Protein backbone atom coordinates (compact mmCIF):
# COMPACT_ATOMS: atom_id res chain seq x y z
CA MET A 1 199.95 -45.43 86.99
CA SER A 2 198.45 -48.89 86.62
CA SER A 3 196.62 -50.19 83.65
CA ASP A 4 193.26 -52.02 83.55
CA SER A 5 190.38 -52.49 81.23
CA SER A 6 188.22 -49.87 83.00
CA GLY A 7 191.12 -47.43 82.73
CA ASN A 8 191.44 -48.10 79.02
CA GLN A 9 187.74 -47.62 78.58
CA PHE A 10 187.97 -44.31 80.36
CA ILE A 11 190.75 -43.19 78.02
CA TYR A 12 188.92 -44.46 74.94
CA LYS A 13 185.65 -42.57 75.92
CA ALA A 14 187.56 -39.34 76.52
CA THR A 15 189.64 -39.62 73.39
CA SER A 16 186.57 -40.52 71.23
CA TYR A 17 184.84 -37.44 72.61
CA ALA A 18 187.76 -35.22 71.95
CA GLU A 19 188.13 -36.47 68.40
CA GLU A 20 184.40 -36.13 67.71
CA LYS A 21 184.43 -32.47 68.96
CA HIS A 22 187.66 -31.71 67.07
CA LEU A 23 189.30 -30.68 70.48
CA ILE A 24 192.84 -32.11 69.67
CA LYS A 25 195.24 -32.41 66.79
CA LYS A 26 198.77 -33.61 66.38
CA ASP A 27 200.29 -30.10 66.36
CA SER A 28 198.47 -28.98 69.40
CA HIS A 29 200.29 -27.22 72.28
CA ILE A 30 197.87 -27.21 75.02
CA VAL A 31 197.99 -25.04 78.09
CA VAL A 32 196.14 -26.84 80.86
CA GLY A 33 194.87 -25.42 84.17
CA VAL A 34 195.85 -27.60 87.08
CA SER A 35 194.49 -26.83 90.52
CA GLY A 36 195.54 -30.14 92.09
CA GLY A 37 191.90 -31.26 92.41
CA ALA A 38 190.60 -34.53 90.98
CA ASP A 39 189.16 -33.04 87.78
CA SER A 40 192.27 -31.06 86.79
CA VAL A 41 194.65 -33.89 87.68
CA CYS A 42 192.60 -36.32 85.59
CA LEU A 43 192.75 -33.84 82.71
CA PHE A 44 196.49 -33.46 83.08
CA LEU A 45 197.01 -37.18 83.03
CA LEU A 46 194.72 -37.54 79.98
CA LEU A 47 196.80 -34.93 78.14
CA MET A 48 199.96 -36.88 79.16
CA ASN A 49 198.44 -40.05 77.55
CA TRP A 50 197.63 -38.12 74.39
CA LYS A 51 201.18 -36.72 74.27
CA LYS A 52 202.63 -40.14 74.63
CA GLN A 53 200.26 -41.52 71.85
CA ASN A 54 201.36 -38.55 69.55
CA LYS A 55 197.77 -37.14 69.52
CA ILE A 56 199.10 -33.84 70.71
CA LYS A 57 202.50 -32.23 70.47
CA GLU A 58 203.06 -30.39 73.79
CA VAL A 59 201.56 -29.50 77.19
CA THR A 60 202.20 -26.63 79.47
CA ALA A 61 200.56 -26.44 82.92
CA VAL A 62 199.32 -23.25 84.84
CA HIS A 63 198.54 -23.23 88.59
CA ILE A 64 196.93 -20.28 90.35
CA ASN A 65 196.93 -19.87 94.06
CA HIS A 66 193.82 -17.69 94.80
CA MET A 67 195.20 -17.06 98.32
CA PHE A 68 191.97 -18.22 100.08
CA ARG A 69 193.33 -21.07 102.15
CA GLY A 70 196.81 -20.16 103.39
CA GLN A 71 199.03 -23.26 104.00
CA GLU A 72 196.62 -25.61 102.24
CA ALA A 73 196.98 -23.59 99.05
CA ILE A 74 200.74 -23.60 99.25
CA GLU A 75 200.63 -27.41 99.55
CA ASP A 76 198.40 -27.53 96.52
CA LYS A 77 200.91 -25.59 94.50
CA GLU A 78 203.79 -27.93 95.59
CA TYR A 79 201.71 -30.98 94.69
CA VAL A 80 201.11 -29.56 91.14
CA LYS A 81 204.78 -28.60 90.70
CA GLU A 82 205.85 -32.17 91.78
CA LEU A 83 203.24 -33.71 89.41
CA CYS A 84 204.53 -31.68 86.48
CA ASN A 85 208.14 -32.55 87.33
CA GLN A 86 207.24 -36.28 87.13
CA TYR A 87 206.29 -35.79 83.47
CA ASN A 88 208.91 -33.12 82.69
CA ILE A 89 206.22 -30.54 81.98
CA LYS A 90 206.73 -26.82 82.48
CA CYS A 91 204.44 -25.38 85.16
CA TYR A 92 203.76 -21.65 85.55
CA CYS A 93 202.52 -20.82 89.03
CA PHE A 94 200.93 -17.53 90.17
CA ASP A 95 199.87 -16.22 93.66
CA ILE A 96 196.99 -13.80 93.16
CA ASN A 97 194.89 -12.19 95.87
CA VAL A 98 191.47 -12.82 94.34
CA SER A 99 189.51 -11.45 97.30
CA ALA A 100 191.18 -8.04 96.92
CA ILE A 101 190.43 -8.05 93.20
CA ALA A 102 186.82 -8.97 93.84
CA LYS A 103 186.50 -6.05 96.32
CA GLU A 104 188.24 -3.63 93.93
CA LYS A 105 185.91 -4.61 90.96
CA LYS A 106 182.86 -5.01 93.19
CA ILE A 107 182.21 -8.57 91.86
CA SER A 108 181.88 -11.91 93.59
CA GLU A 109 185.00 -13.84 94.43
CA GLU A 110 183.71 -16.60 92.09
CA GLU A 111 183.67 -14.19 89.19
CA ALA A 112 187.02 -12.59 90.06
CA GLY A 113 188.63 -16.01 90.36
CA ARG A 114 187.29 -17.01 86.97
CA GLU A 115 188.55 -13.73 85.34
CA VAL A 116 191.99 -14.18 86.87
CA ARG A 117 192.31 -17.80 85.79
CA TYR A 118 191.42 -17.20 82.08
CA HIS A 119 193.57 -14.07 82.04
CA LYS A 120 196.59 -16.07 83.14
CA PHE A 121 195.79 -19.03 80.92
CA LEU A 122 195.73 -16.67 77.90
CA GLU A 123 198.95 -14.91 79.02
CA VAL A 124 200.84 -18.20 79.23
CA LEU A 125 199.22 -19.39 76.01
CA ASN A 126 200.69 -16.32 74.24
CA GLN A 127 204.04 -16.72 76.03
CA VAL A 128 204.58 -20.27 74.83
CA ASN A 129 202.96 -19.99 71.45
CA GLY A 130 200.27 -22.50 72.56
CA THR A 131 197.25 -23.44 70.51
CA GLU A 132 194.53 -24.36 73.05
CA ILE A 133 193.58 -23.80 76.69
CA ALA A 134 192.26 -27.00 78.30
CA VAL A 135 190.00 -26.71 81.43
CA ALA A 136 188.51 -29.61 83.48
CA HIS A 137 184.79 -28.98 83.37
CA HIS A 138 182.86 -32.13 83.36
CA LYS A 139 179.22 -33.28 82.94
CA ASN A 140 178.07 -32.32 86.49
CA ASP A 141 179.54 -28.93 86.01
CA ASN A 142 177.40 -28.58 82.89
CA GLU A 143 174.26 -29.70 84.76
CA GLU A 144 174.86 -27.08 87.43
CA THR A 145 175.63 -24.36 84.82
CA ILE A 146 172.36 -25.04 82.84
CA PHE A 147 170.22 -25.12 86.10
CA LEU A 148 171.87 -21.96 87.39
CA ASN A 149 171.40 -20.15 84.19
CA LEU A 150 167.69 -21.20 84.10
CA LEU A 151 167.33 -19.72 87.63
CA ARG A 152 168.92 -16.51 86.56
CA GLY A 153 166.64 -16.15 83.52
CA SER A 154 169.39 -16.68 80.98
CA SER A 155 168.97 -16.40 77.16
CA VAL A 156 168.86 -19.41 74.86
CA LYS A 157 172.68 -19.02 74.45
CA GLY A 158 173.13 -19.44 78.26
CA LEU A 159 170.77 -22.39 78.46
CA ARG A 160 173.01 -24.43 76.16
CA GLY A 161 175.26 -24.84 79.08
CA ILE A 162 179.07 -25.31 78.82
CA GLN A 163 180.48 -25.85 75.39
CA ALA A 164 183.12 -28.51 74.55
CA LYS A 165 184.96 -25.81 72.46
CA ARG A 166 184.68 -22.06 72.65
CA GLY A 167 187.37 -20.21 70.67
CA ASN A 168 190.62 -21.60 71.81
CA ILE A 169 189.26 -23.07 75.03
CA ILE A 170 188.63 -26.92 75.14
CA ARG A 171 186.88 -29.13 77.65
CA PRO A 172 187.79 -32.78 77.00
CA LEU A 173 186.21 -34.10 80.17
CA LEU A 174 182.70 -32.68 79.40
CA CYS A 175 181.51 -36.17 78.60
CA MET A 176 182.46 -37.52 82.02
CA GLU A 177 180.72 -37.67 85.36
CA ARG A 178 182.46 -36.50 88.48
CA GLU A 179 182.16 -40.05 89.89
CA GLU A 180 183.80 -41.56 86.71
CA ILE A 181 186.70 -39.19 87.14
CA GLU A 182 187.34 -40.01 90.76
CA ALA A 183 186.88 -43.80 90.21
CA TRP A 184 189.47 -43.73 87.39
CA LEU A 185 192.01 -41.95 89.47
CA LYS A 186 191.57 -44.40 92.32
CA LYS A 187 191.98 -47.36 90.07
CA GLN A 188 195.19 -45.74 88.74
CA GLU A 189 196.26 -45.24 92.36
CA ILE A 190 196.53 -41.41 91.84
CA ASP A 191 196.01 -39.09 94.77
CA TRP A 192 194.68 -35.59 94.43
CA ARG A 193 194.17 -32.47 96.55
CA GLU A 194 190.80 -31.67 98.18
CA ASP A 195 189.83 -28.04 98.35
CA ARG A 196 187.80 -27.64 101.54
CA THR A 197 185.93 -24.58 100.09
CA ASN A 198 184.29 -26.91 97.60
CA ARG A 199 182.32 -28.36 100.59
CA GLU A 200 181.15 -24.97 101.94
CA ASP A 201 177.73 -23.69 100.85
CA ILE A 202 178.75 -19.95 101.01
CA TYR A 203 179.04 -19.99 97.14
CA THR A 204 175.99 -20.32 94.86
CA ARG A 205 177.38 -23.15 92.82
CA ASN A 206 178.27 -25.07 95.94
CA LYS A 207 174.74 -24.75 97.19
CA LEU A 208 173.50 -26.23 93.96
CA ARG A 209 176.06 -29.04 93.96
CA LEU A 210 175.82 -29.98 97.63
CA THR A 211 172.18 -29.41 98.49
CA ILE A 212 169.68 -28.33 95.82
CA LEU A 213 170.42 -30.66 92.90
CA PRO A 214 170.85 -33.77 95.16
CA MET A 215 167.54 -33.02 96.81
CA LEU A 216 165.70 -32.55 93.46
CA LYS A 217 167.24 -35.76 92.12
CA LYS A 218 166.23 -37.67 95.20
CA GLU A 219 162.74 -36.30 95.77
CA ILE A 220 161.60 -35.04 92.35
CA ASN A 221 163.40 -36.65 89.35
CA PRO A 222 166.44 -38.96 89.45
CA LYS A 223 167.04 -38.27 85.84
CA LEU A 224 167.17 -34.46 86.35
CA GLY A 225 170.86 -34.27 85.31
CA GLU A 226 170.32 -36.17 82.17
CA ASN A 227 167.35 -33.98 81.23
CA LEU A 228 169.25 -30.81 81.86
CA ILE A 229 172.09 -32.09 79.53
CA GLU A 230 169.60 -33.05 76.83
CA ASN A 231 167.71 -29.73 77.12
CA GLY A 232 171.06 -27.95 76.85
CA GLN A 233 171.69 -29.73 73.60
CA LEU A 234 168.30 -28.70 72.29
CA PHE A 235 168.91 -25.11 73.27
CA GLY A 236 172.21 -25.32 71.46
CA GLU A 237 170.55 -26.40 68.35
CA ILE A 238 168.08 -23.54 68.60
CA HIS A 239 170.97 -21.11 69.15
CA THR A 240 172.78 -22.47 66.16
CA PHE A 241 169.76 -21.99 63.98
CA LEU A 242 168.91 -18.42 65.10
CA THR A 243 172.63 -17.48 64.86
CA LYS A 244 172.63 -18.73 61.23
CA MET A 245 169.43 -16.84 60.38
CA ALA A 246 170.77 -13.64 61.94
CA ASN A 247 174.10 -13.86 60.12
CA GLU A 248 172.35 -14.49 56.87
CA PHE A 249 170.20 -11.43 57.39
CA LEU A 250 173.13 -9.25 58.35
CA ASN A 251 175.13 -10.39 55.40
CA THR A 252 172.30 -9.18 53.12
CA TYR A 253 170.98 -6.08 54.84
CA SER A 254 173.90 -4.62 56.88
CA LYS A 255 177.33 -3.18 56.57
CA LEU A 256 180.11 -2.39 59.03
CA GLU A 257 181.57 1.15 58.74
CA ASN A 258 183.87 2.86 61.28
CA GLY A 259 183.02 0.31 63.90
CA CYS A 260 179.21 0.93 63.53
CA VAL A 261 176.79 -1.69 62.31
CA ILE A 262 174.28 -0.10 59.90
CA ILE A 263 171.12 -2.25 59.13
CA SER A 264 168.46 -1.55 56.45
CA LEU A 265 165.35 -0.37 58.56
CA GLU A 266 162.50 -1.85 56.50
CA PRO A 267 163.75 -5.50 56.37
CA LEU A 268 164.54 -5.25 60.11
CA LYS A 269 160.99 -4.29 60.87
CA GLN A 270 159.78 -7.48 59.10
CA LEU A 271 161.93 -9.82 61.05
CA ASP A 272 160.56 -12.42 63.48
CA VAL A 273 161.22 -11.33 67.02
CA ALA A 274 163.40 -14.36 67.87
CA VAL A 275 165.73 -13.66 64.87
CA ALA A 276 165.77 -9.88 65.46
CA ARG A 277 167.15 -10.56 69.01
CA TYR A 278 170.02 -12.49 67.57
CA VAL A 279 170.55 -9.76 64.85
CA PHE A 280 171.05 -7.24 67.69
CA LEU A 281 173.26 -9.47 69.72
CA SER A 282 175.55 -10.13 66.71
CA SER A 283 175.46 -6.45 65.77
CA ILE A 284 176.61 -5.47 69.27
CA GLU A 285 179.46 -7.95 69.02
CA GLN A 286 180.48 -6.76 65.54
CA SER A 287 180.58 -3.20 66.76
CA GLY A 288 183.53 -4.35 69.01
CA VAL A 289 181.72 -3.78 72.26
CA GLY A 290 181.02 -7.35 73.30
CA LEU A 291 178.05 -8.78 75.12
CA LYS A 292 179.18 -8.42 78.76
CA ASP A 293 176.34 -6.85 80.85
CA ILE A 294 173.96 -6.89 77.84
CA THR A 295 170.57 -8.14 79.18
CA LYS A 296 167.15 -9.01 77.85
CA LYS A 297 165.97 -5.60 78.89
CA HIS A 298 168.57 -4.03 76.55
CA ILE A 299 167.49 -6.15 73.61
CA ASP A 300 163.79 -5.43 74.35
CA THR A 301 164.58 -1.75 74.19
CA LEU A 302 166.15 -2.19 70.84
CA LEU A 303 163.16 -4.20 69.50
CA ASN A 304 160.95 -1.21 70.49
CA LEU A 305 163.31 1.30 69.02
CA VAL A 306 162.96 -0.23 65.62
CA HIS A 307 159.41 1.06 65.34
CA LEU A 308 159.98 4.57 66.62
CA GLN A 309 160.47 7.64 64.57
CA VAL A 310 163.78 8.97 63.11
CA GLY A 311 166.11 10.40 65.66
CA LYS A 312 165.21 8.19 68.72
CA MET A 313 168.23 6.67 70.53
CA ALA A 314 168.73 3.81 73.07
CA HIS A 315 171.71 3.66 75.42
CA LEU A 316 173.57 0.35 76.10
CA PRO A 317 176.45 -0.39 78.44
CA TYR A 318 179.99 0.78 77.71
CA ASN A 319 178.93 3.97 75.88
CA THR A 320 177.16 2.09 73.20
CA VAL A 321 174.15 3.49 71.51
CA ALA A 322 171.58 2.43 68.91
CA LYS A 323 169.71 4.90 66.70
CA VAL A 324 166.95 4.95 64.16
CA ASP A 325 168.07 6.98 61.11
CA TYR A 326 166.21 7.68 57.85
CA ASN A 327 166.37 4.28 56.38
CA CYS A 328 168.59 2.41 58.76
CA PHE A 329 169.14 1.20 62.22
CA MET A 330 172.66 1.94 63.65
CA ILE A 331 174.54 0.36 66.57
CA GLY A 332 178.04 1.44 67.78
CA GLN A 333 179.96 3.30 70.35
CA ARG A 334 178.53 6.83 70.66
CA GLU A 335 181.53 8.76 69.40
CA LYS A 336 181.80 6.44 66.33
CA LEU A 337 178.20 6.61 65.68
CA GLU A 338 178.10 10.44 65.77
CA LYS A 339 180.94 10.48 63.35
CA GLU A 340 179.19 7.99 61.04
CA ARG A 341 175.95 10.03 61.10
CA ARG A 342 177.54 13.05 59.58
CA ALA A 343 177.61 11.25 56.31
CA TYR A 344 173.89 11.38 55.52
CA PRO A 345 172.55 9.43 52.55
CA VAL A 346 171.65 11.29 49.38
CA TYR A 347 168.23 10.59 47.69
CA GLU A 348 166.62 11.10 44.30
CA MET A 349 163.00 12.09 44.22
CA LYS A 350 161.06 10.14 41.63
CA CYS A 351 157.56 11.42 40.77
CA THR A 352 154.85 9.47 38.93
CA ILE A 353 151.38 10.77 37.95
CA PHE A 354 148.42 8.49 37.26
CA PRO A 355 144.57 8.48 37.48
CA TYR A 356 143.16 7.44 40.80
CA ASP A 357 140.79 4.46 41.15
CA SER A 358 138.88 5.16 44.41
CA GLY A 359 138.67 1.36 45.01
CA LYS A 360 142.39 0.96 44.80
CA LYS A 361 144.36 0.52 47.98
CA ILE A 362 146.94 3.19 48.58
CA GLN A 363 150.47 1.77 48.06
CA GLU A 364 152.77 3.33 50.52
CA SER A 365 156.05 2.56 52.53
CA THR A 366 158.44 4.64 54.52
CA TYR A 367 159.93 6.01 51.23
CA THR A 368 156.91 5.94 48.92
CA LYS A 369 153.87 8.22 49.45
CA TRP A 370 150.72 9.10 47.42
CA PHE A 371 149.31 12.64 47.35
CA ASP A 372 146.24 14.32 45.75
CA TYR A 373 147.86 15.82 42.67
CA ASP A 374 145.21 18.48 42.00
CA THR A 375 145.63 20.01 45.43
CA ILE A 376 149.32 20.71 44.95
CA ASN A 377 149.18 23.22 42.09
CA GLY A 378 152.89 23.78 41.81
CA ALA A 379 156.41 22.29 41.65
CA VAL A 380 157.60 20.27 44.57
CA LYS A 381 161.18 19.90 45.77
CA LEU A 382 163.18 17.62 48.10
CA ARG A 383 165.12 19.60 50.63
CA THR A 384 165.74 20.21 54.25
CA ARG A 385 164.08 22.87 56.49
CA GLN A 386 163.96 26.60 55.86
CA ASN A 387 162.70 29.55 57.77
CA GLY A 388 158.90 29.89 57.36
CA ASP A 389 158.15 26.21 56.65
CA MET A 390 154.54 25.30 57.48
CA ILE A 391 152.66 21.91 57.69
CA GLN A 392 148.99 21.01 58.24
CA THR A 393 148.82 18.26 60.82
CA LEU A 394 144.95 18.23 61.52
CA LYS A 395 142.38 17.64 58.85
CA ASN A 396 140.14 20.70 59.60
CA HIS A 397 142.77 23.09 60.77
CA GLY A 398 145.20 25.34 59.01
CA GLU A 399 148.99 24.96 58.82
CA LYS A 400 151.39 25.47 61.65
CA LYS A 401 155.02 26.04 61.90
CA LEU A 402 157.30 23.08 61.04
CA LYS A 403 159.37 24.06 64.08
CA ASP A 404 156.32 23.47 66.39
CA PHE A 405 155.84 20.11 64.67
CA PHE A 406 159.33 19.07 65.49
CA ILE A 407 158.93 20.20 69.08
CA ASN A 408 155.67 18.33 69.56
CA GLU A 409 157.25 15.13 68.10
CA LYS A 410 160.19 15.58 70.38
CA ILE A 411 162.73 15.36 67.49
CA PRO A 412 166.07 16.26 68.78
CA ARG A 413 167.27 19.77 67.75
CA GLU A 414 170.45 18.41 66.19
CA GLU A 415 168.42 16.19 63.90
CA ARG A 416 166.05 18.77 62.49
CA ASP A 417 168.45 20.30 60.01
CA HIS A 418 169.02 16.83 58.40
CA ILE A 419 165.45 15.60 58.11
CA LEU A 420 164.32 15.44 54.49
CA LEU A 421 161.26 17.34 53.37
CA VAL A 422 159.11 17.26 50.28
CA ALA A 423 157.92 20.87 49.87
CA LYS A 424 155.93 23.23 47.57
CA GLY A 425 157.38 26.57 48.40
CA GLN A 426 157.12 26.88 52.20
CA SER A 427 154.26 24.37 52.39
CA ILE A 428 155.53 20.85 53.51
CA LEU A 429 153.86 17.89 51.81
CA TRP A 430 155.88 15.21 53.60
CA VAL A 431 158.28 15.10 56.53
CA VAL A 432 160.21 12.02 55.45
CA GLY A 433 160.17 9.35 58.12
CA HIS A 434 157.41 10.94 60.04
CA ARG A 435 154.14 12.03 58.28
CA ILE A 436 152.54 13.67 55.30
CA SER A 437 150.44 16.85 55.36
CA GLU A 438 146.69 16.61 55.84
CA ALA A 439 146.36 19.28 53.07
CA TYR A 440 147.53 16.92 50.33
CA LYS A 441 146.27 13.60 51.42
CA VAL A 442 144.30 11.30 49.09
CA SER A 443 140.59 11.52 49.70
CA GLU A 444 137.33 10.19 48.08
CA ASN A 445 137.41 13.31 45.77
CA THR A 446 140.84 12.59 44.43
CA LYS A 447 141.01 12.09 40.78
CA THR A 448 144.80 12.11 40.04
CA ILE A 449 147.64 10.61 42.14
CA LEU A 450 151.16 12.02 42.56
CA GLN A 451 153.33 9.18 43.77
CA ILE A 452 156.59 10.38 45.29
CA GLU A 453 159.33 7.80 45.75
CA LEU A 454 162.72 8.49 47.39
CA ILE A 455 165.59 6.44 46.02
CA GLU A 456 168.89 6.43 47.78
CA GLY A 457 172.04 7.35 45.84
CA GLY A 458 170.56 9.94 43.51
CA ASN A 459 170.68 13.68 43.22
CA GLU A 460 170.08 15.41 46.52
CA ASN A 461 167.80 18.13 45.02
CA GLY A 462 165.60 15.71 43.17
CA ARG A 463 163.15 17.28 40.58
């Protein structure tokens, strides 16, 4: 490999970027994917330079033959093996029928190939006790990713584009244009392998790379690529801010029990929609399910669920459910959530009596209600349902069976025995989480208020 000022500038730029993004350290053992193409060969040689300069400790290469191109792919593998031999680098090679995997999983060959690559990278990383996985995405890949995610209707997270570091995956060439990479290799008199499938527009990303983006840059905006990258950075800042807000909220108002995320309902209802979306995304991740196949439609369903009555449930992918309970919102896998729900909270009923000022606004929340004290004429009790319970739901009508109320409200049968009630004998004043009886409501004739407040953690029977 020859040396010149432009070559040194290339190394300097890449090294400065890697150090700025904290991608490398002296004890790093990096597993690098090497296809034989210009990008991965450039990355491999960059790592060799860093190893020589003691900026990293060790490098291991991985080459995967996707078995798309017959003899050409075999020659790619031999090229990579020879390149690694020149630098005395261990190379793990795998022949995997990606087309068969794509058909079996009913996914695209692009997605199947990506899954296979990262699976093998991680497998080798664990085998050699590596610290990072390096892949050769560059600036043009990032432009394509941001544009493609925009077309797909991606979230703010997706519109950030490719990240320089995600977990143990690093991308040291993300600051480089494709032309810079190829120009550097040519000046160093380094050959690479050309994958003819990269020139076929049968794949979505190839159509963007070969036709759509060049046309838009030529006819609409020559700076389209720069603008996409800048917008990706802005979306990244928004994503970081919303993630921080969501995590602060969850640290204050949630807990993780038995794989279920349990969030206080009232604070959740007050959240800005943008933050609430991130709260749900983070909660799904915390429950151990992951965000694969979680779409905007699923998050919209959860936003709507927050404001529905107790007992309502939403179903998410991979047997994950969300449910509104008495004072909380719960997300987790169904079997874990059902187990968690058997431990219902215990409440103390606090009663306060005071004169009513007809001009005073009624102070109520989900767990605090006002009643006309003089209409009650007897002791009240906090309990669950009993045979013969009645409630008045219409102002000028008599009481009806509580069972009929539950049926009309479509409250699941399994929930009914757990719903808390404030009762005077068989007459229900308050179905907690749903409504109070018309018979005991505050009116213009009310003289005395009975305020009932439910406090979690007290005596179940109240007073």
